[in-house]
Amino acid sequence: MGAYNSASNQDVEEVTVGFNTSNFIGGFYGQPCYWNGNIYTVIVGDSLRQFPISNGNISLGSISNSSNTFPFRGATPVASASGSTNGIVWVADITAYQFGGATILDAYDANNVGVLLYTSPASGSGAAALATKFTVPTVANGKVYVGGQKAFTVFGLLPN
């Protein structure tokens, strides 16, 4: 996006998301997402973090974090909203992949990811399919789709 420069990396801005000094496989295995002036991200062994953007600059520190962490592969968050209101950040927790368990779908308030709105059950009715590596939720038509082993699960509001 501007040509190679051997003297400088040409980064506009670089923000350290988290420090992982105890796990050599730490880091990003996914991507951040954006909604309404915020970037949301999850790295291995860390929580979902919310970073505001103001005047083209990303805050050096997160303004809210989820209370749970995502140890295995981190996660790739996805945001949904009704324009600039009712924002939700969706995260597929695939920790159970290592043990043959289901993906857990978490939903957080996009204005404060410290507020957990929903967590899918690990088993039984309402549970997602067995976890796969690098699963990313897909939001379309008022539903959330989560891929799994040989299946995908559709989450949405049940009729009254």
Protein backbone atom coordinates (compact mmCIF):
# COMPACT_ATOMS: atom_id res chain seq x y z
CA MET A 1 0.00 0.00 0.00
CA GLY A 2 2.65 2.49 -0.82
CA ALA A 3 5.64 0.55 -2.09
CA TYR A 4 8.54 -1.21 -0.44
CA ASN A 5 10.90 0.85 1.70
CA SER A 6 14.12 -0.86 2.84
CA ALA A 7 14.86 1.85 5.45
CA SER A 8 11.53 1.80 7.33
CA ASN A 9 8.52 -0.50 7.73
CA GLN A 10 6.07 2.37 6.99
CA ASP A 11 3.63 1.34 9.75
CA VAL A 12 1.16 4.12 10.41
CA GLU A 13 0.62 2.87 13.96
CA GLU A 14 1.42 -0.23 15.96
CA VAL A 15 -0.24 -1.13 19.28
CA THR A 16 0.81 -3.97 21.58
CA VAL A 17 -2.36 -5.91 22.40
CA GLY A 18 -1.07 -8.17 25.16
CA PHE A 19 2.02 -9.74 26.52
CA ASN A 20 2.33 -13.48 26.49
CA THR A 21 5.52 -14.41 28.31
CA SER A 22 4.49 -17.91 29.39
CA ASN A 23 3.42 -19.45 26.10
CA PHE A 24 5.74 -19.69 23.11
CA ILE A 25 2.81 -20.19 20.73
CA GLY A 26 1.17 -16.92 21.79
CA GLY A 27 0.08 -14.30 19.35
CA PHE A 28 -2.59 -13.70 16.73
CA TYR A 29 -4.14 -16.60 14.89
CA GLY A 30 -7.11 -14.53 13.71
CA GLN A 31 -8.00 -10.96 12.87
CA PRO A 32 -9.47 -8.03 14.75
CA CYS A 33 -12.90 -6.64 13.86
CA TYR A 34 -14.20 -3.06 13.81
CA TRP A 35 -17.47 -1.45 14.86
CA ASN A 36 -18.46 2.11 15.69
CA GLY A 37 -15.02 3.52 16.46
CA ASN A 38 -13.66 0.43 18.21
CA ILE A 39 -11.38 -2.46 17.34
CA TYR A 40 -11.97 -5.82 19.04
CA THR A 41 -9.30 -8.48 19.23
CA VAL A 42 -8.33 -11.75 20.93
CA ILE A 43 -4.85 -13.24 21.11
CA VAL A 44 -3.83 -16.63 22.49
CA GLY A 45 -4.12 -16.79 26.27
CA ASP A 46 -5.88 -13.44 26.59
CA SER A 47 -9.34 -11.95 26.87
CA LEU A 48 -11.44 -10.21 24.23
CA ARG A 49 -10.21 -6.60 24.26
CA GLN A 50 -11.84 -3.39 23.04
CA PHE A 51 -9.63 -0.56 21.74
CA PRO A 52 -11.18 2.80 20.77
CA ILE A 53 -10.01 4.74 17.74
CA SER A 54 -9.99 8.53 17.89
CA ASN A 55 -8.61 10.97 15.31
CA GLY A 56 -7.09 8.07 13.41
CA ASN A 57 -5.20 6.72 16.44
CA ILE A 58 -5.79 3.47 18.28
CA SER A 59 -5.79 3.72 22.07
CA LEU A 60 -2.62 2.26 23.57
CA GLY A 61 -4.68 0.44 26.19
CA SER A 62 -7.96 -1.44 26.01
CA ILE A 63 -11.01 0.24 27.54
CA SER A 64 -12.79 -3.02 28.35
CA ASN A 65 -11.93 -6.72 28.46
CA SER A 66 -13.96 -9.89 28.76
CA SER A 67 -13.60 -11.76 32.03
CA ASN A 68 -12.83 -15.06 30.29
CA THR A 69 -9.75 -15.92 28.26
CA PHE A 70 -9.24 -17.83 25.03
CA PRO A 71 -6.25 -20.13 25.47
CA PHE A 72 -6.28 -22.24 22.30
CA ARG A 73 -5.70 -20.26 19.08
CA GLY A 74 -7.30 -17.13 20.54
CA ALA A 75 -10.30 -16.14 18.43
CA THR A 76 -11.54 -13.94 15.61
CA PRO A 77 -14.35 -11.67 16.82
CA VAL A 78 -17.23 -10.57 14.59
CA ALA A 79 -19.46 -7.55 15.21
CA SER A 80 -23.14 -7.16 14.37
CA ALA A 81 -25.42 -4.19 15.02
CA SER A 82 -28.39 -2.19 13.90
CA GLY A 83 -26.35 0.63 12.38
CA SER A 84 -24.57 2.38 15.23
CA THR A 85 -26.75 0.87 18.00
CA ASN A 86 -27.25 -2.51 19.66
CA GLY A 87 -23.73 -3.69 18.85
CA ILE A 88 -22.80 -7.27 19.70
CA VAL A 89 -19.35 -8.85 19.42
CA TRP A 90 -19.53 -12.59 18.72
CA VAL A 91 -16.63 -14.93 19.53
CA ALA A 92 -16.33 -18.67 18.87
CA ASP A 93 -14.43 -20.29 21.73
CA ILE A 94 -12.80 -23.43 20.31
CA THR A 95 -10.90 -24.45 23.43
CA ALA A 96 -12.77 -27.79 23.46
CA TYR A 97 -11.31 -28.71 20.05
CA GLN A 98 -8.40 -30.37 21.83
CA PHE A 99 -10.82 -32.62 23.74
CA GLY A 100 -13.45 -33.35 21.07
CA GLY A 101 -15.97 -30.88 22.52
CA ALA A 102 -18.34 -28.31 21.08
CA THR A 103 -17.60 -24.76 20.04
CA ILE A 104 -18.93 -22.27 22.57
CA LEU A 105 -20.49 -19.14 21.05
CA ASP A 106 -20.15 -16.05 23.24
CA ALA A 107 -21.89 -12.70 22.69
CA TYR A 108 -20.63 -9.48 24.31
CA ASP A 109 -21.99 -5.95 24.51
CA ALA A 110 -19.97 -4.05 21.88
CA ASN A 111 -19.99 -0.90 24.04
CA ASN A 112 -18.38 -2.80 26.93
CA VAL A 113 -17.05 -6.30 26.25
CA GLY A 114 -16.90 -6.86 30.00
CA VAL A 115 -20.65 -7.53 29.69
CA LEU A 116 -21.31 -11.10 28.52
CA LEU A 117 -24.77 -11.28 26.92
CA TYR A 118 -24.93 -14.96 25.93
CA THR A 119 -22.93 -18.18 26.08
CA SER A 120 -24.06 -21.31 24.24
CA PRO A 121 -24.14 -24.56 26.22
CA ALA A 122 -21.22 -26.99 25.97
CA SER A 123 -23.54 -29.96 25.40
CA GLY A 124 -27.17 -30.88 24.97
CA SER A 125 -29.91 -28.84 23.39
CA GLY A 126 -28.60 -25.58 21.96
CA ALA A 127 -24.96 -26.69 21.80
CA ALA A 128 -22.92 -26.03 18.66
CA ALA A 129 -21.24 -28.72 16.56
CA LEU A 130 -17.87 -30.13 17.58
CA ALA A 131 -15.16 -27.47 17.47
CA THR A 132 -12.76 -26.99 14.60
CA LYS A 133 -9.63 -24.85 14.48
CA PHE A 134 -9.95 -21.25 13.29
CA THR A 135 -13.77 -21.16 13.29
CA VAL A 136 -15.16 -17.65 12.77
CA PRO A 137 -18.84 -16.86 13.39
CA THR A 138 -20.79 -15.51 10.41
CA VAL A 139 -23.68 -13.10 10.99
CA ALA A 140 -26.44 -12.81 8.37
CA ASN A 141 -30.18 -12.14 8.37
CA GLY A 142 -30.44 -11.96 12.17
CA LYS A 143 -28.71 -15.28 12.74
CA VAL A 144 -25.20 -16.40 13.71
CA TYR A 145 -23.67 -19.36 11.88
CA VAL A 146 -20.84 -21.38 13.43
CA GLY A 147 -18.95 -24.04 11.48
CA GLY A 148 -17.98 -27.29 13.16
CA GLN A 149 -16.81 -30.81 12.41
CA LYS A 150 -19.02 -32.14 9.59
CA ALA A 151 -21.79 -29.66 10.51
CA PHE A 152 -22.63 -26.05 11.19
CA THR A 153 -24.93 -24.60 13.81
CA VAL A 154 -27.38 -21.76 13.34
CA PHE A 155 -28.10 -19.52 16.35
CA GLY A 156 -31.05 -17.16 16.39
CA LEU A 157 -34.11 -16.08 18.33
CA LEU A 158 -36.67 -18.79 18.85
CA PRO A 159 -40.28 -18.02 17.91
CA ASN A 160 -42.60 -17.21 20.82
